[in-house]
Amino acid sequence: VHWRIIFDLFMIAVCGGLFEVPLNAVIQHRTPHTARASVLAGSALINALFVILSSVLSALILSTGWGVMDLFLAFSLANFGVTLI
């Protein structure tokens, strides 16, 4: 068993939860009651599109011969770049 990959996936899930839960709370708090459902649905749609995009990109990267660790490195560097912006 590759414990490092399991740990990495676990930490991605934890950090994603630490980001997503407060973000949804802020959206619900700041959105007017009449538009709240539409805004949350739009947010869920955008999140789903990015999940699909990252899955397709992962498949393309893995099909070029990169390994799983290379994939994690590429996505972590991309996330770091977004963090700086």
N, C-alpha and C. Protein backbone atom coordinates (compact mmCIF):
# COMPACT_ATOMS: atom_id res chain seq x y z
N VAL A 1 0.86 -1.18 0.00
CA VAL A 1 0.00 0.00 0.00
C VAL A 1 0.90 1.24 0.00
N HIS A 2 0.52 2.20 -0.78
CA HIS A 2 1.28 3.44 -0.87
C HIS A 2 0.72 4.44 0.14
N TRP A 3 1.28 4.43 1.33
CA TRP A 3 0.76 5.25 2.42
C TRP A 3 0.89 6.73 2.12
N ARG A 4 1.90 7.10 1.37
CA ARG A 4 2.09 8.52 1.07
C ARG A 4 0.95 9.06 0.19
N ILE A 5 0.51 8.28 -0.77
CA ILE A 5 -0.59 8.71 -1.63
C ILE A 5 -1.89 8.78 -0.83
N ILE A 6 -2.10 7.78 0.05
CA ILE A 6 -3.29 7.81 0.90
C ILE A 6 -3.27 9.04 1.79
N PHE A 7 -2.12 9.35 2.37
CA PHE A 7 -2.00 10.53 3.22
C PHE A 7 -2.23 11.81 2.41
N ASP A 8 -1.67 11.88 1.22
CA ASP A 8 -1.86 13.07 0.37
C ASP A 8 -3.33 13.27 0.03
N LEU A 9 -4.02 12.20 -0.35
CA LEU A 9 -5.44 12.32 -0.67
C LEU A 9 -6.26 12.73 0.55
N PHE A 10 -5.90 12.19 1.70
CA PHE A 10 -6.59 12.57 2.94
C PHE A 10 -6.39 14.05 3.24
N MET A 11 -5.17 14.53 3.10
CA MET A 11 -4.90 15.94 3.38
C MET A 11 -5.57 16.86 2.35
N ILE A 12 -5.66 16.42 1.10
CA ILE A 12 -6.38 17.21 0.10
C ILE A 12 -7.85 17.33 0.51
N ALA A 13 -8.44 16.22 0.98
CA ALA A 13 -9.83 16.25 1.41
C ALA A 13 -10.02 17.16 2.63
N VAL A 14 -9.10 17.08 3.59
CA VAL A 14 -9.20 17.92 4.79
C VAL A 14 -9.07 19.39 4.42
N CYS A 15 -8.08 19.72 3.63
CA CYS A 15 -7.88 21.13 3.26
C CYS A 15 -9.01 21.64 2.38
N GLY A 16 -9.53 20.78 1.52
CA GLY A 16 -10.68 21.17 0.71
C GLY A 16 -11.89 21.47 1.59
N GLY A 17 -12.10 20.65 2.61
CA GLY A 17 -13.20 20.89 3.54
C GLY A 17 -12.99 22.17 4.34
N LEU A 18 -11.75 22.43 4.73
CA LEU A 18 -11.47 23.67 5.47
C LEU A 18 -11.69 24.90 4.61
N PHE A 19 -11.63 24.75 3.30
CA PHE A 19 -11.88 25.86 2.40
C PHE A 19 -13.36 25.96 2.05
N GLU A 20 -13.97 24.83 1.71
CA GLU A 20 -15.32 24.83 1.15
C GLU A 20 -16.40 25.14 2.18
N VAL A 21 -16.30 24.60 3.37
CA VAL A 21 -17.35 24.81 4.38
C VAL A 21 -17.47 26.27 4.78
N PRO A 22 -16.38 26.96 5.15
CA PRO A 22 -16.53 28.39 5.46
C PRO A 22 -16.95 29.22 4.26
N LEU A 23 -16.51 28.84 3.06
CA LEU A 23 -16.91 29.57 1.87
C LEU A 23 -18.42 29.50 1.67
N ASN A 24 -19.01 28.31 1.82
CA ASN A 24 -20.45 28.19 1.71
C ASN A 24 -21.18 28.94 2.81
N ALA A 25 -20.61 28.97 4.01
CA ALA A 25 -21.23 29.72 5.10
C ALA A 25 -21.24 31.21 4.78
N VAL A 26 -20.15 31.73 4.25
CA VAL A 26 -20.08 33.15 3.88
C VAL A 26 -21.06 33.46 2.76
N ILE A 27 -21.14 32.57 1.77
CA ILE A 27 -22.08 32.78 0.66
C ILE A 27 -23.51 32.82 1.19
N GLN A 28 -23.85 31.90 2.07
CA GLN A 28 -25.21 31.88 2.61
C GLN A 28 -25.50 33.10 3.47
N HIS A 29 -24.51 33.57 4.18
CA HIS A 29 -24.71 34.72 5.06
C HIS A 29 -24.86 36.03 4.28
N ARG A 30 -24.08 36.19 3.23
CA ARG A 30 -24.05 37.46 2.50
C ARG A 30 -25.03 37.55 1.34
N THR A 31 -25.64 36.43 0.95
CA THR A 31 -26.56 36.43 -0.18
C THR A 31 -27.97 36.75 0.30
N PRO A 32 -28.67 37.61 -0.43
CA PRO A 32 -30.07 37.89 -0.07
C PRO A 32 -30.91 36.61 -0.10
N HIS A 33 -31.89 36.56 0.77
CA HIS A 33 -32.72 35.36 0.91
C HIS A 33 -33.36 34.95 -0.42
N THR A 34 -33.74 35.90 -1.23
CA THR A 34 -34.45 35.59 -2.47
C THR A 34 -33.54 34.98 -3.53
N ALA A 35 -32.25 35.20 -3.45
CA ALA A 35 -31.32 34.69 -4.47
C ALA A 35 -30.40 33.61 -3.94
N ARG A 36 -30.56 33.21 -2.71
CA ARG A 36 -29.61 32.29 -2.08
C ARG A 36 -29.53 30.95 -2.81
N ALA A 37 -30.66 30.37 -3.16
CA ALA A 37 -30.65 29.06 -3.82
C ALA A 37 -29.97 29.15 -5.19
N SER A 38 -30.21 30.21 -5.91
CA SER A 38 -29.59 30.35 -7.23
C SER A 38 -28.09 30.52 -7.12
N VAL A 39 -27.65 31.29 -6.16
CA VAL A 39 -26.21 31.51 -5.98
C VAL A 39 -25.52 30.22 -5.55
N LEU A 40 -26.12 29.47 -4.64
CA LEU A 40 -25.53 28.20 -4.21
C LEU A 40 -25.53 27.19 -5.35
N ALA A 41 -26.57 27.17 -6.17
CA ALA A 41 -26.60 26.26 -7.31
C ALA A 41 -25.52 26.64 -8.33
N GLY A 42 -25.34 27.92 -8.56
CA GLY A 42 -24.28 28.37 -9.46
C GLY A 42 -22.90 28.02 -8.94
N SER A 43 -22.72 28.16 -7.65
CA SER A 43 -21.44 27.80 -7.04
C SER A 43 -21.18 26.30 -7.18
N ALA A 44 -22.20 25.48 -6.96
CA ALA A 44 -22.05 24.03 -7.11
C ALA A 44 -21.76 23.66 -8.56
N LEU A 45 -22.37 24.35 -9.49
CA LEU A 45 -22.13 24.09 -10.91
C LEU A 45 -20.69 24.41 -11.29
N ILE A 46 -20.20 25.55 -10.84
CA ILE A 46 -18.81 25.93 -11.12
C ILE A 46 -17.84 24.94 -10.50
N ASN A 47 -18.12 24.51 -9.25
CA ASN A 47 -17.27 23.51 -8.60
C ASN A 47 -17.26 22.21 -9.39
N ALA A 48 -18.43 21.77 -9.87
CA ALA A 48 -18.50 20.53 -10.65
C ALA A 48 -17.73 20.66 -11.95
N LEU A 49 -17.81 21.81 -12.60
CA LEU A 49 -17.06 22.01 -13.84
C LEU A 49 -15.55 21.92 -13.60
N PHE A 50 -15.09 22.49 -12.49
CA PHE A 50 -13.66 22.42 -12.20
C PHE A 50 -13.23 21.00 -11.83
N VAL A 51 -14.11 20.23 -11.20
CA VAL A 51 -13.79 18.83 -10.90
C VAL A 51 -13.65 18.05 -12.20
N ILE A 52 -14.58 18.27 -13.14
CA ILE A 52 -14.50 17.58 -14.43
C ILE A 52 -13.24 18.01 -15.17
N LEU A 53 -12.95 19.30 -15.17
CA LEU A 53 -11.75 19.80 -15.86
C LEU A 53 -10.48 19.20 -15.27
N SER A 54 -10.41 19.12 -13.95
CA SER A 54 -9.20 18.56 -13.33
C SER A 54 -9.10 17.06 -13.60
N SER A 55 -10.23 16.36 -13.70
CA SER A 55 -10.20 14.94 -14.03
C SER A 55 -9.69 14.71 -15.45
N VAL A 56 -10.18 15.51 -16.37
CA VAL A 56 -9.73 15.38 -17.76
C VAL A 56 -8.24 15.74 -17.86
N LEU A 57 -7.85 16.80 -17.19
CA LEU A 57 -6.44 17.20 -17.21
C LEU A 57 -5.55 16.12 -16.58
N SER A 58 -6.04 15.51 -15.50
CA SER A 58 -5.28 14.43 -14.87
C SER A 58 -5.12 13.25 -15.82
N ALA A 59 -6.18 12.89 -16.52
CA ALA A 59 -6.10 11.78 -17.46
C ALA A 59 -5.12 12.09 -18.58
N LEU A 60 -5.15 13.33 -19.07
CA LEU A 60 -4.21 13.71 -20.13
C LEU A 60 -2.77 13.67 -19.64
N ILE A 61 -2.53 14.17 -18.45
CA ILE A 61 -1.17 14.18 -17.90
C ILE A 61 -0.67 12.75 -17.69
N LEU A 62 -1.53 11.89 -17.13
CA LEU A 62 -1.12 10.51 -16.88
C LEU A 62 -0.91 9.74 -18.18
N SER A 63 -1.66 10.10 -19.23
CA SER A 63 -1.50 9.40 -20.50
C SER A 63 -0.19 9.76 -21.21
N THR A 64 0.43 10.86 -20.81
CA THR A 64 1.71 11.25 -21.42
C THR A 64 2.90 10.55 -20.78
N GLY A 65 2.63 9.74 -19.74
CA GLY A 65 3.72 9.00 -19.12
C GLY A 65 4.14 9.54 -17.76
N TRP A 66 3.53 10.62 -17.32
CA TRP A 66 3.85 11.13 -15.99
C TRP A 66 3.30 10.16 -14.94
N GLY A 67 3.93 10.15 -13.78
CA GLY A 67 3.47 9.32 -12.68
C GLY A 67 2.50 10.08 -11.79
N VAL A 68 1.96 9.36 -10.83
CA VAL A 68 0.99 9.96 -9.91
C VAL A 68 1.66 11.05 -9.07
N MET A 69 2.89 10.80 -8.63
CA MET A 69 3.58 11.81 -7.83
C MET A 69 3.86 13.07 -8.66
N ASP A 70 4.15 12.89 -9.94
CA ASP A 70 4.33 14.05 -10.83
C ASP A 70 3.04 14.84 -10.96
N LEU A 71 1.93 14.11 -11.03
CA LEU A 71 0.62 14.75 -11.12
C LEU A 71 0.34 15.58 -9.87
N PHE A 72 0.60 15.01 -8.70
CA PHE A 72 0.41 15.75 -7.45
C PHE A 72 1.31 16.99 -7.42
N LEU A 73 2.54 16.85 -7.87
CA LEU A 73 3.45 17.98 -7.89
C LEU A 73 2.95 19.07 -8.83
N ALA A 74 2.47 18.69 -10.01
CA ALA A 74 1.98 19.67 -10.97
C ALA A 74 0.78 20.44 -10.41
N PHE A 75 -0.16 19.72 -9.81
CA PHE A 75 -1.33 20.40 -9.25
C PHE A 75 -0.98 21.24 -8.02
N SER A 76 -0.03 20.78 -7.22
CA SER A 76 0.34 21.58 -6.06
C SER A 76 1.06 22.86 -6.49
N LEU A 77 1.89 22.78 -7.52
CA LEU A 77 2.54 23.99 -8.02
C LEU A 77 1.53 24.95 -8.65
N ALA A 78 0.53 24.40 -9.34
CA ALA A 78 -0.52 25.25 -9.92
C ALA A 78 -1.31 25.93 -8.79
N ASN A 79 -1.63 25.20 -7.74
CA ASN A 79 -2.36 25.79 -6.61
C ASN A 79 -1.53 26.85 -5.92
N PHE A 80 -0.24 26.61 -5.81
CA PHE A 80 0.64 27.62 -5.21
C PHE A 80 0.65 28.89 -6.04
N GLY A 81 0.67 28.73 -7.36
CA GLY A 81 0.62 29.90 -8.24
C GLY A 81 -0.66 30.68 -8.08
N VAL A 82 -1.79 29.98 -7.96
CA VAL A 82 -3.07 30.65 -7.74
C VAL A 82 -3.07 31.35 -6.40
N THR A 83 -2.46 30.74 -5.39
CA THR A 83 -2.38 31.35 -4.06
C THR A 83 -1.64 32.68 -4.12
N LEU A 84 -0.57 32.75 -4.90
CA LEU A 84 0.18 33.99 -5.00
C LEU A 84 -0.63 35.10 -5.68
N ILE A 85 -1.49 34.71 -6.61
CA ILE A 85 -2.32 35.70 -7.31
C ILE A 85 -3.35 36.23 -6.35
